[in-house]
Amino acid sequence: MIVISVLIAWLSGYYWVLAIPLAAGIAGVLFDFNPVMRLAKLFLRKPPSHYVPEDKEQQKFNQWMAVGFLLLALVSYALEWTTAAYVFTAMVALAAFVAILGFCVGCFIQYQWKMYVARRRR
């Protein structure tokens, strides 16, 4: 959804389309209900219990990052800060695309942060 929204925003100039994944992300973070994921669940081939669940804390961290970048992108578009808008949308789209390929950028960042905090405590 994020990758498609960014492509639509870039190709059509309708940057407000980014509000759709932003709203879904905010709902997921604040209310533990992401309408996009709820819709995607309808297309699962196997029952949900047959899939390995992801860590809830990690999902929230990733969602906060996506929400932050989408919000910064929308604000940048609204203020006509084109370069910043493209940077923020590119960052969130790249992270989403890489996640589709199987690597979680947010997981890597959170792991590095936790390791940094642990080293500082010692």
PDB file of N, CA and C in Angstrom:
ATOM      1  N   MET A   1       0.825  -1.188   0.000  1.00  0.00           N
ATOM      2  CA  MET A   1       0.000   0.000   0.000  1.00  0.00           C
ATOM      3  C   MET A   1       0.870   1.253   0.000  1.00  0.00           C
ATOM      4  N   ILE A   2       1.921   1.239   0.818  1.00  0.00           N
ATOM      5  CA  ILE A   2       2.797   2.411   0.895  1.00  0.00           C
ATOM      6  C   ILE A   2       3.511   2.627  -0.432  1.00  0.00           C
ATOM      7  N   VAL A   3       4.067   1.567  -0.994  1.00  0.00           N
ATOM      8  CA  VAL A   3       4.810   1.683  -2.255  1.00  0.00           C
ATOM      9  C   VAL A   3       3.883   2.200  -3.356  1.00  0.00           C
ATOM     10  N   ILE A   4       2.704   1.644  -3.456  1.00  0.00           N
ATOM     11  CA  ILE A   4       1.746   2.078  -4.481  1.00  0.00           C
ATOM     12  C   ILE A   4       1.338   3.527  -4.261  1.00  0.00           C
ATOM     13  N   SER A   5       1.091   3.918  -3.022  1.00  0.00           N
ATOM     14  CA  SER A   5       0.703   5.292  -2.719  1.00  0.00           C
ATOM     15  C   SER A   5       1.802   6.280  -3.091  1.00  0.00           C
ATOM     16  N   VAL A   6       3.037   5.928  -2.792  1.00  0.00           N
ATOM     17  CA  VAL A   6       4.158   6.806  -3.140  1.00  0.00           C
ATOM     18  C   VAL A   6       4.277   6.930  -4.653  1.00  0.00           C
ATOM     19  N   LEU A   7       4.143   5.819  -5.362  1.00  0.00           N
ATOM     20  CA  LEU A   7       4.221   5.875  -6.821  1.00  0.00           C
ATOM     21  C   LEU A   7       3.116   6.746  -7.407  1.00  0.00           C
ATOM     22  N   ILE A   8       1.912   6.610  -6.881  1.00  0.00           N
ATOM     23  CA  ILE A   8       0.798   7.445  -7.349  1.00  0.00           C
ATOM     24  C   ILE A   8       1.094   8.917  -7.066  1.00  0.00           C
ATOM     25  N   ALA A   9       1.595   9.208  -5.879  1.00  0.00           N
ATOM     26  CA  ALA A   9       1.909  10.593  -5.515  1.00  0.00           C
ATOM     27  C   ALA A   9       2.976  11.166  -6.442  1.00  0.00           C
ATOM     28  N   TRP A  10       4.007  10.386  -6.711  1.00  0.00           N
ATOM     29  CA  TRP A  10       5.092  10.867  -7.568  1.00  0.00           C
ATOM     30  C   TRP A  10       4.656  11.031  -9.022  1.00  0.00           C
ATOM     31  N   LEU A  11       3.915  10.057  -9.534  1.00  0.00           N
ATOM     32  CA  LEU A  11       3.569  10.065 -10.952  1.00  0.00           C
ATOM     33  C   LEU A  11       2.411  10.994 -11.289  1.00  0.00           C
ATOM     34  N   SER A  12       1.490  11.156 -10.353  1.00  0.00           N
ATOM     35  CA  SER A  12       0.305  11.969 -10.644  1.00  0.00           C
ATOM     36  C   SER A  12       0.355  13.351 -10.024  1.00  0.00           C
ATOM     37  N   GLY A  13       1.157  13.510  -8.987  1.00  0.00           N
ATOM     38  CA  GLY A  13       1.186  14.791  -8.288  1.00  0.00           C
ATOM     39  C   GLY A  13       0.118  14.895  -7.212  1.00  0.00           C
ATOM     40  N   TYR A  14      -0.713  13.873  -7.072  1.00  0.00           N
ATOM     41  CA  TYR A  14      -1.740  13.860  -6.027  1.00  0.00           C
ATOM     42  C   TYR A  14      -1.124  13.339  -4.733  1.00  0.00           C
ATOM     43  N   TYR A  15      -0.365  14.193  -4.083  1.00  0.00           N
ATOM     44  CA  TYR A  15       0.357  13.755  -2.892  1.00  0.00           C
ATOM     45  C   TYR A  15      -0.567  13.434  -1.730  1.00  0.00           C
ATOM     46  N   TRP A  16      -1.801  13.882  -1.773  1.00  0.00           N
ATOM     47  CA  TRP A  16      -2.732  13.601  -0.673  1.00  0.00           C
ATOM     48  C   TRP A  16      -3.102  12.126  -0.598  1.00  0.00           C
ATOM     49  N   VAL A  17      -2.755  11.373  -1.638  1.00  0.00           N
ATOM     50  CA  VAL A  17      -3.006   9.938  -1.593  1.00  0.00           C
ATOM     51  C   VAL A  17      -2.177   9.290  -0.473  1.00  0.00           C
ATOM     52  N   LEU A  18      -1.109   9.952  -0.059  1.00  0.00           N
ATOM     53  CA  LEU A  18      -0.293   9.443   1.047  1.00  0.00           C
ATOM     54  C   LEU A  18      -1.056   9.459   2.374  1.00  0.00           C
ATOM     55  N   ALA A  19      -2.149  10.197   2.417  1.00  0.00           N
ATOM     56  CA  ALA A  19      -2.958  10.242   3.642  1.00  0.00           C
ATOM     57  C   ALA A  19      -3.642   8.896   3.905  1.00  0.00           C
ATOM     58  N   ILE A  20      -3.820   8.086   2.875  1.00  0.00           N
ATOM     59  CA  ILE A  20      -4.484   6.789   3.062  1.00  0.00           C
ATOM     60  C   ILE A  20      -3.615   5.849   3.901  1.00  0.00           C
ATOM     61  N   PRO A  21      -2.351   5.581   3.492  1.00  0.00           N
ATOM     62  CA  PRO A  21      -1.542   4.721   4.365  1.00  0.00           C
ATOM     63  C   PRO A  21      -1.201   5.390   5.696  1.00  0.00           C
ATOM     64  N   LEU A  22      -1.153   6.732   5.705  1.00  0.00           N
ATOM     65  CA  LEU A  22      -0.908   7.434   6.965  1.00  0.00           C
ATOM     66  C   LEU A  22      -2.058   7.190   7.940  1.00  0.00           C
ATOM     67  N   ALA A  23      -3.283   7.341   7.477  1.00  0.00           N
ATOM     68  CA  ALA A  23      -4.449   7.111   8.343  1.00  0.00           C
ATOM     69  C   ALA A  23      -4.505   5.660   8.821  1.00  0.00           C
ATOM     70  N   ALA A  24      -4.209   4.722   7.911  1.00  0.00           N
ATOM     71  CA  ALA A  24      -4.201   3.305   8.299  1.00  0.00           C
ATOM     72  C   ALA A  24      -3.111   3.044   9.329  1.00  0.00           C
ATOM     73  N   GLY A  25      -1.951   3.663   9.143  1.00  0.00           N
ATOM     74  CA  GLY A  25      -0.847   3.492  10.090  1.00  0.00           C
ATOM     75  C   GLY A  25      -1.152   4.072  11.454  1.00  0.00           C
ATOM     76  N   ILE A  26      -1.754   5.247  11.467  1.00  0.00           N
ATOM     77  CA  ILE A  26      -2.127   5.878  12.740  1.00  0.00           C
ATOM     78  C   ILE A  26      -3.160   5.011  13.467  1.00  0.00           C
ATOM     79  N   ALA A  27      -4.120   4.492  12.725  1.00  0.00           N
ATOM     80  CA  ALA A  27      -5.122   3.616  13.340  1.00  0.00           C
ATOM     81  C   ALA A  27      -4.458   2.369  13.919  1.00  0.00           C
ATOM     82  N   GLY A  28      -3.474   1.843  13.204  1.00  0.00           N
ATOM     83  CA  GLY A  28      -2.769   0.664  13.694  1.00  0.00           C
ATOM     84  C   GLY A  28      -1.984   0.933  14.955  1.00  0.00           C
ATOM     85  N   VAL A  29      -1.324   2.084  15.002  1.00  0.00           N
ATOM     86  CA  VAL A  29      -0.494   2.430  16.161  1.00  0.00           C
ATOM     87  C   VAL A  29      -1.353   2.780  17.372  1.00  0.00           C
ATOM     88  N   LEU A  30      -2.375   3.574  17.167  1.00  0.00           N
ATOM     89  CA  LEU A  30      -3.175   4.058  18.294  1.00  0.00           C
ATOM     90  C   LEU A  30      -4.257   3.084  18.754  1.00  0.00           C
ATOM     91  N   PHE A  31      -4.864   2.365  17.809  1.00  0.00           N
ATOM     92  CA  PHE A  31      -6.022   1.543  18.149  1.00  0.00           C
ATOM     93  C   PHE A  31      -5.816   0.046  17.888  1.00  0.00           C
ATOM     94  N   ASP A  32      -4.594  -0.345  17.510  1.00  0.00           N
ATOM     95  CA  ASP A  32      -4.312  -1.729  17.164  1.00  0.00           C
ATOM     96  C   ASP A  32      -5.272  -2.266  16.107  1.00  0.00           C
ATOM     97  N   PHE A  33      -5.681  -1.410  15.191  1.00  0.00           N
ATOM     98  CA  PHE A  33      -6.566  -1.808  14.090  1.00  0.00           C
ATOM     99  C   PHE A  33      -6.071  -1.132  12.820  1.00  0.00           C
ATOM    100  N   ASN A  34      -5.494  -1.924  11.915  1.00  0.00           N
ATOM    101  CA  ASN A  34      -5.034  -1.396  10.648  1.00  0.00           C
ATOM    102  C   ASN A  34      -5.979  -1.908   9.569  1.00  0.00           C
ATOM    103  N   PRO A  35      -6.790  -1.026   8.982  1.00  0.00           N
ATOM    104  CA  PRO A  35      -7.774  -1.485   7.999  1.00  0.00           C
ATOM    105  C   PRO A  35      -7.139  -2.139   6.771  1.00  0.00           C
ATOM    106  N   VAL A  36      -5.950  -1.718   6.386  1.00  0.00           N
ATOM    107  CA  VAL A  36      -5.279  -2.320   5.235  1.00  0.00           C
ATOM    108  C   VAL A  36      -4.910  -3.769   5.544  1.00  0.00           C
ATOM    109  N   MET A  37      -4.388  -4.004   6.743  1.00  0.00           N
ATOM    110  CA  MET A  37      -4.026  -5.366   7.130  1.00  0.00           C
ATOM    111  C   MET A  37      -5.281  -6.226   7.303  1.00  0.00           C
ATOM    112  N   ARG A  38      -6.334  -5.641   7.802  1.00  0.00           N
ATOM    113  CA  ARG A  38      -7.588  -6.383   7.959  1.00  0.00           C
ATOM    114  C   ARG A  38      -8.115  -6.811   6.588  1.00  0.00           C
ATOM    115  N   LEU A  39      -7.998  -5.928   5.606  1.00  0.00           N
ATOM    116  CA  LEU A  39      -8.423  -6.258   4.245  1.00  0.00           C
ATOM    117  C   LEU A  39      -7.495  -7.320   3.640  1.00  0.00           C
ATOM    118  N   ALA A  40      -6.205  -7.182   3.867  1.00  0.00           N
ATOM    119  CA  ALA A  40      -5.237  -8.138   3.325  1.00  0.00           C
ATOM    120  C   ALA A  40      -5.457  -9.537   3.898  1.00  0.00           C
ATOM    121  N   LYS A  41      -5.937  -9.606   5.120  1.00  0.00           N
ATOM    122  CA  LYS A  41      -6.184 -10.907   5.763  1.00  0.00           C
ATOM    123  C   LYS A  41      -7.207 -11.728   4.971  1.00  0.00           C
ATOM    124  N   LEU A  42      -8.086 -11.067   4.235  1.00  0.00           N
ATOM    125  CA  LEU A  42      -9.090 -11.771   3.432  1.00  0.00           C
ATOM    126  C   LEU A  42      -8.452 -12.575   2.299  1.00  0.00           C
ATOM    127  N   PHE A  43      -7.237 -12.211   1.910  1.00  0.00           N
ATOM    128  CA  PHE A  43      -6.587 -12.851   0.777  1.00  0.00           C
ATOM    129  C   PHE A  43      -5.568 -13.921   1.176  1.00  0.00           C
ATOM    130  N   LEU A  44      -5.497 -14.247   2.455  1.00  0.00           N
ATOM    131  CA  LEU A  44      -4.594 -15.299   2.903  1.00  0.00           C
ATOM    132  C   LEU A  44      -5.068 -16.645   2.361  1.00  0.00           C
ATOM    133  N   ARG A  45      -4.116 -17.461   1.958  1.00  0.00           N
ATOM    134  CA  ARG A  45      -4.463 -18.768   1.399  1.00  0.00           C
ATOM    135  C   ARG A  45      -4.731 -19.802   2.485  1.00  0.00           C
ATOM    136  N   LYS A  46      -4.037 -19.649   3.621  1.00  0.00           N
ATOM    137  CA  LYS A  46      -4.190 -20.597   4.724  1.00  0.00           C
ATOM    138  C   LYS A  46      -4.870 -19.876   5.892  1.00  0.00           C
ATOM    139  N   PRO A  47      -5.363 -20.609   6.868  1.00  0.00           N
ATOM    140  CA  PRO A  47      -5.928 -19.969   8.061  1.00  0.00           C
ATOM    141  C   PRO A  47      -4.840 -19.148   8.776  1.00  0.00           C
ATOM    142  N   PRO A  48      -5.197 -18.032   9.409  1.00  0.00           N
ATOM    143  CA  PRO A  48      -4.203 -17.184  10.077  1.00  0.00           C
ATOM    144  C   PRO A  48      -3.321 -17.925  11.079  1.00  0.00           C
ATOM    145  N   SER A  49      -3.837 -18.979  11.698  1.00  0.00           N
ATOM    146  CA  SER A  49      -3.059 -19.713  12.695  1.00  0.00           C
ATOM    147  C   SER A  49      -1.884 -20.477  12.074  1.00  0.00           C
ATOM    148  N   HIS A  50      -1.861 -20.638  10.760  1.00  0.00           N
ATOM    149  CA  HIS A  50      -0.782 -21.353  10.086  1.00  0.00           C
ATOM    150  C   HIS A  50       0.416 -20.460   9.761  1.00  0.00           C
ATOM    151  N   TYR A  51       0.315 -19.186  10.035  1.00  0.00           N
ATOM    152  CA  TYR A  51       1.405 -18.245   9.761  1.00  0.00           C
ATOM    153  C   TYR A  51       2.151 -17.919  11.051  1.00  0.00           C
ATOM    154  N   VAL A  52       3.446 -17.695  10.941  1.00  0.00           N
ATOM    155  CA  VAL A  52       4.258 -17.321  12.096  1.00  0.00           C
ATOM    156  C   VAL A  52       3.973 -15.854  12.418  1.00  0.00           C
ATOM    157  N   PRO A  53       3.500 -15.564  13.632  1.00  0.00           N
ATOM    158  CA  PRO A  53       3.203 -14.166  13.966  1.00  0.00           C
ATOM    159  C   PRO A  53       4.484 -13.357  14.163  1.00  0.00           C
ATOM    160  N   GLU A  54       4.405 -12.090  13.791  1.00  0.00           N
ATOM    161  CA  GLU A  54       5.532 -11.187  14.004  1.00  0.00           C
ATOM    162  C   GLU A  54       5.444 -10.600  15.403  1.00  0.00           C
ATOM    163  N   ASP A  55       6.572 -10.135  15.896  1.00  0.00           N
ATOM    164  CA  ASP A  55       6.641  -9.525  17.210  1.00  0.00           C
ATOM    165  C   ASP A  55       5.833  -8.227  17.218  1.00  0.00           C
ATOM    166  N   LYS A  56       4.915  -8.119  18.164  1.00  0.00           N
ATOM    167  CA  LYS A  56       4.025  -6.958  18.232  1.00  0.00           C
ATOM    168  C   LYS A  56       4.804  -5.658  18.467  1.00  0.00           C
ATOM    169  N   GLU A  57       5.800  -5.709  19.357  1.00  0.00           N
ATOM    170  CA  GLU A  57       6.611  -4.518  19.633  1.00  0.00           C
ATOM    171  C   GLU A  57       7.344  -4.066  18.361  1.00  0.00           C
ATOM    172  N   GLN A  58       7.847  -5.018  17.619  1.00  0.00           N
ATOM    173  CA  GLN A  58       8.565  -4.693  16.382  1.00  0.00           C
ATOM    174  C   GLN A  58       7.623  -4.100  15.338  1.00  0.00           C
ATOM    175  N   GLN A  59       6.433  -4.660  15.240  1.00  0.00           N
ATOM    176  CA  GLN A  59       5.442  -4.123  14.309  1.00  0.00           C
ATOM    177  C   GLN A  59       5.100  -2.682  14.648  1.00  0.00           C
ATOM    178  N   LYS A  60       4.916  -2.403  15.942  1.00  0.00           N
ATOM    179  CA  LYS A  60       4.601  -1.029  16.365  1.00  0.00           C
ATOM    180  C   LYS A  60       5.739  -0.081  16.031  1.00  0.00           C
ATOM    181  N   PHE A  61       6.979  -0.510  16.294  1.00  0.00           N
ATOM    182  CA  PHE A  61       8.137   0.323  15.982  1.00  0.00           C
ATOM    183  C   PHE A  61       8.188   0.642  14.489  1.00  0.00           C
ATOM    184  N   ASN A  62       8.014  -0.383  13.659  1.00  0.00           N
ATOM    185  CA  ASN A  62       8.018  -0.175  12.208  1.00  0.00           C
ATOM    186  C   ASN A  62       6.888   0.753  11.777  1.00  0.00           C
ATOM    187  N   GLN A  63       5.729   0.574  12.385  1.00  0.00           N
ATOM    188  CA  GLN A  63       4.586   1.399  12.012  1.00  0.00           C
ATOM    189  C   GLN A  63       4.803   2.855  12.420  1.00  0.00           C
ATOM    190  N   TRP A  64       5.415   3.062  13.595  1.00  0.00           N
ATOM    191  CA  TRP A  64       5.723   4.433  14.023  1.00  0.00           C
ATOM    192  C   TRP A  64       6.669   5.103  13.033  1.00  0.00           C
ATOM    193  N   MET A  65       7.660   4.352  12.562  1.00  0.00           N
ATOM    194  CA  MET A  65       8.594   4.908  11.577  1.00  0.00           C
ATOM    195  C   MET A  65       7.863   5.274  10.289  1.00  0.00           C
ATOM    196  N   ALA A  66       7.020   4.381   9.802  1.00  0.00           N
ATOM    197  CA  ALA A  66       6.281   4.646   8.564  1.00  0.00           C
ATOM    198  C   ALA A  66       5.357   5.857   8.729  1.00  0.00           C
ATOM    199  N   VAL A  67       4.649   5.913   9.850  1.00  0.00           N
ATOM    200  CA  VAL A  67       3.754   7.039  10.121  1.00  0.00           C
ATOM    201  C   VAL A  67       4.547   8.347  10.164  1.00  0.00           C
ATOM    202  N   GLY A  68       5.690   8.321  10.830  1.00  0.00           N
ATOM    203  CA  GLY A  68       6.512   9.531  10.921  1.00  0.00           C
ATOM    204  C   GLY A  68       6.973  10.018   9.561  1.00  0.00           C
ATOM    205  N   PHE A  69       7.491   9.116   8.733  1.00  0.00           N
ATOM    206  CA  PHE A  69       7.962   9.518   7.410  1.00  0.00           C
ATOM    207  C   PHE A  69       6.814   9.968   6.511  1.00  0.00           C
ATOM    208  N   LEU A  70       5.677   9.278   6.576  1.00  0.00           N
ATOM    209  CA  LEU A  70       4.529   9.699   5.770  1.00  0.00           C
ATOM    210  C   LEU A  70       4.015  11.066   6.204  1.00  0.00           C
ATOM    211  N   LEU A  71       3.980  11.296   7.520  1.00  0.00           N
ATOM    212  CA  LEU A  71       3.539  12.594   8.019  1.00  0.00           C
ATOM    213  C   LEU A  71       4.497  13.702   7.587  1.00  0.00           C
ATOM    214  N   LEU A  72       5.795  13.448   7.729  1.00  0.00           N
ATOM    215  CA  LEU A  72       6.784  14.439   7.297  1.00  0.00           C
ATOM    216  C   LEU A  72       6.698  14.684   5.796  1.00  0.00           C
ATOM    217  N   ALA A  73       6.431  13.648   5.026  1.00  0.00           N
ATOM    218  CA  ALA A  73       6.284  13.808   3.579  1.00  0.00           C
ATOM    219  C   ALA A  73       5.064  14.660   3.244  1.00  0.00           C
ATOM    220  N   LEU A  74       3.944  14.368   3.887  1.00  0.00           N
ATOM    221  CA  LEU A  74       2.727  15.149   3.622  1.00  0.00           C
ATOM    222  C   LEU A  74       2.901  16.618   4.007  1.00  0.00           C
ATOM    223  N   VAL A  75       3.506  16.859   5.153  1.00  0.00           N
ATOM    224  CA  VAL A  75       3.748  18.236   5.590  1.00  0.00           C
ATOM    225  C   VAL A  75       4.684  18.931   4.610  1.00  0.00           C
ATOM    226  N   SER A  76       5.706  18.229   4.164  1.00  0.00           N
ATOM    227  CA  SER A  76       6.655  18.806   3.210  1.00  0.00           C
ATOM    228  C   SER A  76       5.979  19.135   1.887  1.00  0.00           C
ATOM    229  N   TYR A  77       5.118  18.248   1.410  1.00  0.00           N
ATOM    230  CA  TYR A  77       4.370  18.547   0.185  1.00  0.00           C
ATOM    231  C   TYR A  77       3.475  19.764   0.382  1.00  0.00           C
ATOM    232  N   ALA A  78       2.787  19.825   1.521  1.00  0.00           N
ATOM    233  CA  ALA A  78       1.877  20.936   1.789  1.00  0.00           C
ATOM    234  C   ALA A  78       2.622  22.277   1.864  1.00  0.00           C
ATOM    235  N   LEU A  79       3.845  22.241   2.394  1.00  0.00           N
ATOM    236  CA  LEU A  79       4.645  23.462   2.493  1.00  0.00           C
ATOM    237  C   LEU A  79       5.478  23.722   1.237  1.00  0.00           C
ATOM    238  N   GLU A  80       5.293  22.849   0.235  1.00  0.00           N
ATOM    239  CA  GLU A  80       6.015  22.944  -1.040  1.00  0.00           C
ATOM    240  C   GLU A  80       7.524  22.823  -0.877  1.00  0.00           C
ATOM    241  N   TRP A  81       7.934  22.000   0.075  1.00  0.00           N
ATOM    242  CA  TRP A  81       9.345  21.659   0.253  1.00  0.00           C
ATOM    243  C   TRP A  81       9.574  20.385  -0.552  1.00  0.00           C
ATOM    244  N   THR A  82       9.670  20.528  -1.833  1.00  0.00           N
ATOM    245  CA  THR A  82       9.691  19.397  -2.751  1.00  0.00           C
ATOM    246  C   THR A  82      10.819  18.408  -2.454  1.00  0.00           C
ATOM    247  N   THR A  83      12.009  18.907  -2.232  1.00  0.00           N
ATOM    248  CA  THR A  83      13.138  18.005  -1.985  1.00  0.00           C
ATOM    249  C   THR A  83      12.906  17.167  -0.734  1.00  0.00           C
ATOM    250  N   ALA A  84      12.504  17.810   0.347  1.00  0.00           N
ATOM    251  CA  ALA A  84      12.238  17.079   1.591  1.00  0.00           C
ATOM    252  C   ALA A  84      11.104  16.075   1.389  1.00  0.00           C
ATOM    253  N   ALA A  85      10.078  16.472   0.653  1.00  0.00           N
ATOM    254  CA  ALA A  85       8.948  15.575   0.401  1.00  0.00           C
ATOM    255  C   ALA A  85       9.404  14.332  -0.345  1.00  0.00           C
ATOM    256  N   TYR A  86      10.230  14.529  -1.365  1.00  0.00           N
ATOM    257  CA  TYR A  86      10.730  13.375  -2.120  1.00  0.00           C
ATOM    258  C   TYR A  86      11.641  12.502  -1.272  1.00  0.00           C
ATOM    259  N   VAL A  87      12.442  13.101  -0.434  1.00  0.00           N
ATOM    260  CA  VAL A  87      13.343  12.326   0.432  1.00  0.00           C
ATOM    261  C   VAL A  87      12.525  11.463   1.397  1.00  0.00           C
ATOM    262  N   PHE A  88      11.529  12.060   2.055  1.00  0.00           N
ATOM    263  CA  PHE A  88      10.730  11.303   3.024  1.00  0.00           C
ATOM    264  C   PHE A  88       9.904  10.210   2.348  1.00  0.00           C
ATOM    265  N   THR A  89       9.315  10.518   1.188  1.00  0.00           N
ATOM    266  CA  THR A  89       8.537   9.482   0.506  1.00  0.00           C
ATOM    267  C   THR A  89       9.452   8.382  -0.027  1.00  0.00           C
ATOM    268  N   ALA A  90      10.634   8.761  -0.496  1.00  0.00           N
ATOM    269  CA  ALA A  90      11.577   7.746  -0.984  1.00  0.00           C
ATOM    270  C   ALA A  90      12.023   6.839   0.156  1.00  0.00           C
ATOM    271  N   MET A  91      12.263   7.410   1.323  1.00  0.00           N
ATOM    272  CA  MET A  91      12.712   6.601   2.463  1.00  0.00           C
ATOM    273  C   MET A  91      11.646   5.587   2.873  1.00  0.00           C
ATOM    274  N   VAL A  92      10.411   6.037   2.988  1.00  0.00           N
ATOM    275  CA  VAL A  92       9.352   5.123   3.427  1.00  0.00           C
ATOM    276  C   VAL A  92       9.042   4.104   2.329  1.00  0.00           C
ATOM    277  N   ALA A  93       9.084   4.510   1.070  1.00  0.00           N
ATOM    278  CA  ALA A  93       8.815   3.575  -0.023  1.00  0.00           C
ATOM    279  C   ALA A  93       9.925   2.537  -0.137  1.00  0.00           C
ATOM    280  N   LEU A  94      11.162   2.974   0.010  1.00  0.00           N
ATOM    281  CA  LEU A  94      12.288   2.042  -0.065  1.00  0.00           C
ATOM    282  C   LEU A  94      12.230   1.018   1.073  1.00  0.00           C
ATOM    283  N   ALA A  95      11.927   1.499   2.279  1.00  0.00           N
ATOM    284  CA  ALA A  95      11.814   0.582   3.422  1.00  0.00           C
ATOM    285  C   ALA A  95      10.681  -0.422   3.198  1.00  0.00           C
ATOM    286  N   ALA A  96       9.559   0.047   2.669  1.00  0.00           N
ATOM    287  CA  ALA A  96       8.426  -0.852   2.413  1.00  0.00           C
ATOM    288  C   ALA A  96       8.767  -1.849   1.308  1.00  0.00           C
ATOM    289  N   PHE A  97       9.435  -1.376   0.260  1.00  0.00           N
ATOM    290  CA  PHE A  97       9.797  -2.266  -0.841  1.00  0.00           C
ATOM    291  C   PHE A  97      10.802  -3.326  -0.399  1.00  0.00           C
ATOM    292  N   VAL A  98      11.793  -2.911   0.370  1.00  0.00           N
ATOM    293  CA  VAL A  98      12.790  -3.857   0.873  1.00  0.00           C
ATOM    294  C   VAL A  98      12.125  -4.872   1.802  1.00  0.00           C
ATOM    295  N   ALA A  99      11.127  -4.426   2.572  1.00  0.00           N
ATOM    296  CA  ALA A  99      10.391  -5.348   3.453  1.00  0.00           C
ATOM    297  C   ALA A  99       9.644  -6.390   2.626  1.00  0.00           C
ATOM    298  N   ILE A 100       9.109  -5.980   1.487  1.00  0.00           N
ATOM    299  CA  ILE A 100       8.439  -6.934   0.599  1.00  0.00           C
ATOM    300  C   ILE A 100       9.429  -7.997   0.136  1.00  0.00           C
ATOM    301  N   LEU A 101      10.674  -7.591  -0.064  1.00  0.00           N
ATOM    302  CA  LEU A 101      11.712  -8.524  -0.505  1.00  0.00           C
ATOM    303  C   LEU A 101      12.237  -9.400   0.629  1.00  0.00           C
ATOM    304  N   GLY A 102      11.893  -9.051   1.887  1.00  0.00           N
ATOM    305  CA  GLY A 102      12.247  -9.923   3.000  1.00  0.00           C
ATOM    306  C   GLY A 102      13.192  -9.356   4.034  1.00  0.00           C
ATOM    307  N   PHE A 103      13.652  -8.121   3.867  1.00  0.00           N
ATOM    308  CA  PHE A 103      14.540  -7.524   4.867  1.00  0.00           C
ATOM    309  C   PHE A 103      13.805  -6.390   5.565  1.00  0.00           C
ATOM    310  N   CYS A 104      13.799  -6.418   6.886  1.00  0.00           N
ATOM    311  CA  CYS A 104      13.080  -5.415   7.670  1.00  0.00           C
ATOM    312  C   CYS A 104      14.052  -4.326   8.135  1.00  0.00           C
ATOM    313  N   VAL A 105      13.968  -3.173   7.517  1.00  0.00           N
ATOM    314  CA  VAL A 105      14.849  -2.056   7.867  1.00  0.00           C
ATOM    315  C   VAL A 105      14.591  -1.610   9.302  1.00  0.00           C
ATOM    316  N   GLY A 106      13.315  -1.509   9.679  1.00  0.00           N
ATOM    317  CA  GLY A 106      12.965  -1.102  11.044  1.00  0.00           C
ATOM    318  C   GLY A 106      13.489  -2.073  12.082  1.00  0.00           C
ATOM    319  N   CYS A 107      13.448  -3.361  11.768  1.00  0.00           N
ATOM    320  CA  CYS A 107      13.982  -4.376  12.691  1.00  0.00           C
ATOM    321  C   CYS A 107      15.474  -4.169  12.891  1.00  0.00           C
ATOM    322  N   PHE A 108      16.178  -3.917  11.799  1.00  0.00           N
ATOM    323  CA  PHE A 108      17.612  -3.679  11.860  1.00  0.00           C
ATOM    324  C   PHE A 108      17.928  -2.438  12.693  1.00  0.00           C
ATOM    325  N   ILE A 109      17.169  -1.367  12.469  1.00  0.00           N
ATOM    326  CA  ILE A 109      17.397  -0.122  13.214  1.00  0.00           C
ATOM    327  C   ILE A 109      17.129  -0.333  14.698  1.00  0.00           C
ATOM    328  N   GLN A 110      16.017  -0.992  15.010  1.00  0.00           N
ATOM    329  CA  GLN A 110      15.688  -1.215  16.417  1.00  0.00           C
ATOM    330  C   GLN A 110      16.724  -2.112  17.086  1.00  0.00           C
ATOM    331  N   TYR A 111      17.209  -3.122  16.400  1.00  0.00           N
ATOM    332  CA  TYR A 111      18.235  -4.005  16.947  1.00  0.00           C
ATOM    333  C   TYR A 111      19.511  -3.215  17.237  1.00  0.00           C
ATOM    334  N   GLN A 112      19.929  -2.386  16.282  1.00  0.00           N
ATOM    335  CA  GLN A 112      21.136  -1.585  16.471  1.00  0.00           C
ATOM    336  C   GLN A 112      20.969  -0.623  17.650  1.00  0.00           C
ATOM    337  N   TRP A 113      19.781  -0.046  17.784  1.00  0.00           N
ATOM    338  CA  TRP A 113      19.517   0.862  18.895  1.00  0.00           C
ATOM    339  C   TRP A 113      19.614   0.121  20.237  1.00  0.00           C
ATOM    340  N   LYS A 114      19.007  -1.061  20.300  1.00  0.00           N
ATOM    341  CA  LYS A 114      19.052  -1.841  21.542  1.00  0.00           C
ATOM    342  C   LYS A 114      20.479  -2.254  21.885  1.00  0.00           C
ATOM    343  N   MET A 115      21.264  -2.589  20.885  1.00  0.00           N
ATOM    344  CA  MET A 115      22.668  -2.944  21.123  1.00  0.00           C
ATOM    345  C   MET A 115      23.453  -1.725  21.613  1.00  0.00           C
ATOM    346  N   TYR A 116      23.183  -0.569  21.045  1.00  0.00           N
ATOM    347  CA  TYR A 116      23.841   0.669  21.469  1.00  0.00           C
ATOM    348  C   TYR A 116      23.519   0.975  22.927  1.00  0.00           C
ATOM    349  N   VAL A 117      22.233   0.871  23.293  1.00  0.00           N
ATOM    350  CA  VAL A 117      21.815   1.124  24.678  1.00  0.00           C
ATOM    351  C   VAL A 117      22.474   0.132  25.623  1.00  0.00           C
ATOM    352  N   ALA A 118      22.537  -1.136  25.221  1.00  0.00           N
ATOM    353  CA  ALA A 118      23.151  -2.160  26.073  1.00  0.00           C
ATOM    354  C   ALA A 118      24.641  -1.882  26.275  1.00  0.00           C
ATOM    355  N   ARG A 119      25.330  -1.450  25.223  1.00  0.00           N
ATOM    356  CA  ARG A 119      26.768  -1.113  25.344  1.00  0.00           C
ATOM    357  C   ARG A 119      26.977   0.080  26.251  1.00  0.00           C
ATOM    358  N   ARG A 120      26.090   1.055  26.190  1.00  0.00           N
ATOM    359  CA  ARG A 120      26.223   2.240  27.038  1.00  0.00           C
ATOM    360  C   ARG A 120      26.018   1.912  28.501  1.00  0.00           C
ATOM    361  N   ARG A 121      25.171   0.922  28.773  1.00  0.00           N
ATOM    362  CA  ARG A 121      24.902   0.526  30.167  1.00  0.00           C
ATOM    363  C   ARG A 121      26.113  -0.149  30.796  1.00  0.00           C
ATOM    364  N   ARG A 122      26.924  -0.809  29.984  1.00  0.00           N
ATOM    365  CA  ARG A 122      28.088  -1.512  30.506  1.00  0.00           C
ATOM    366  C   ARG A 122      29.180  -0.572  30.776  1.00  0.00           C
TER     367      ARG A 122
END
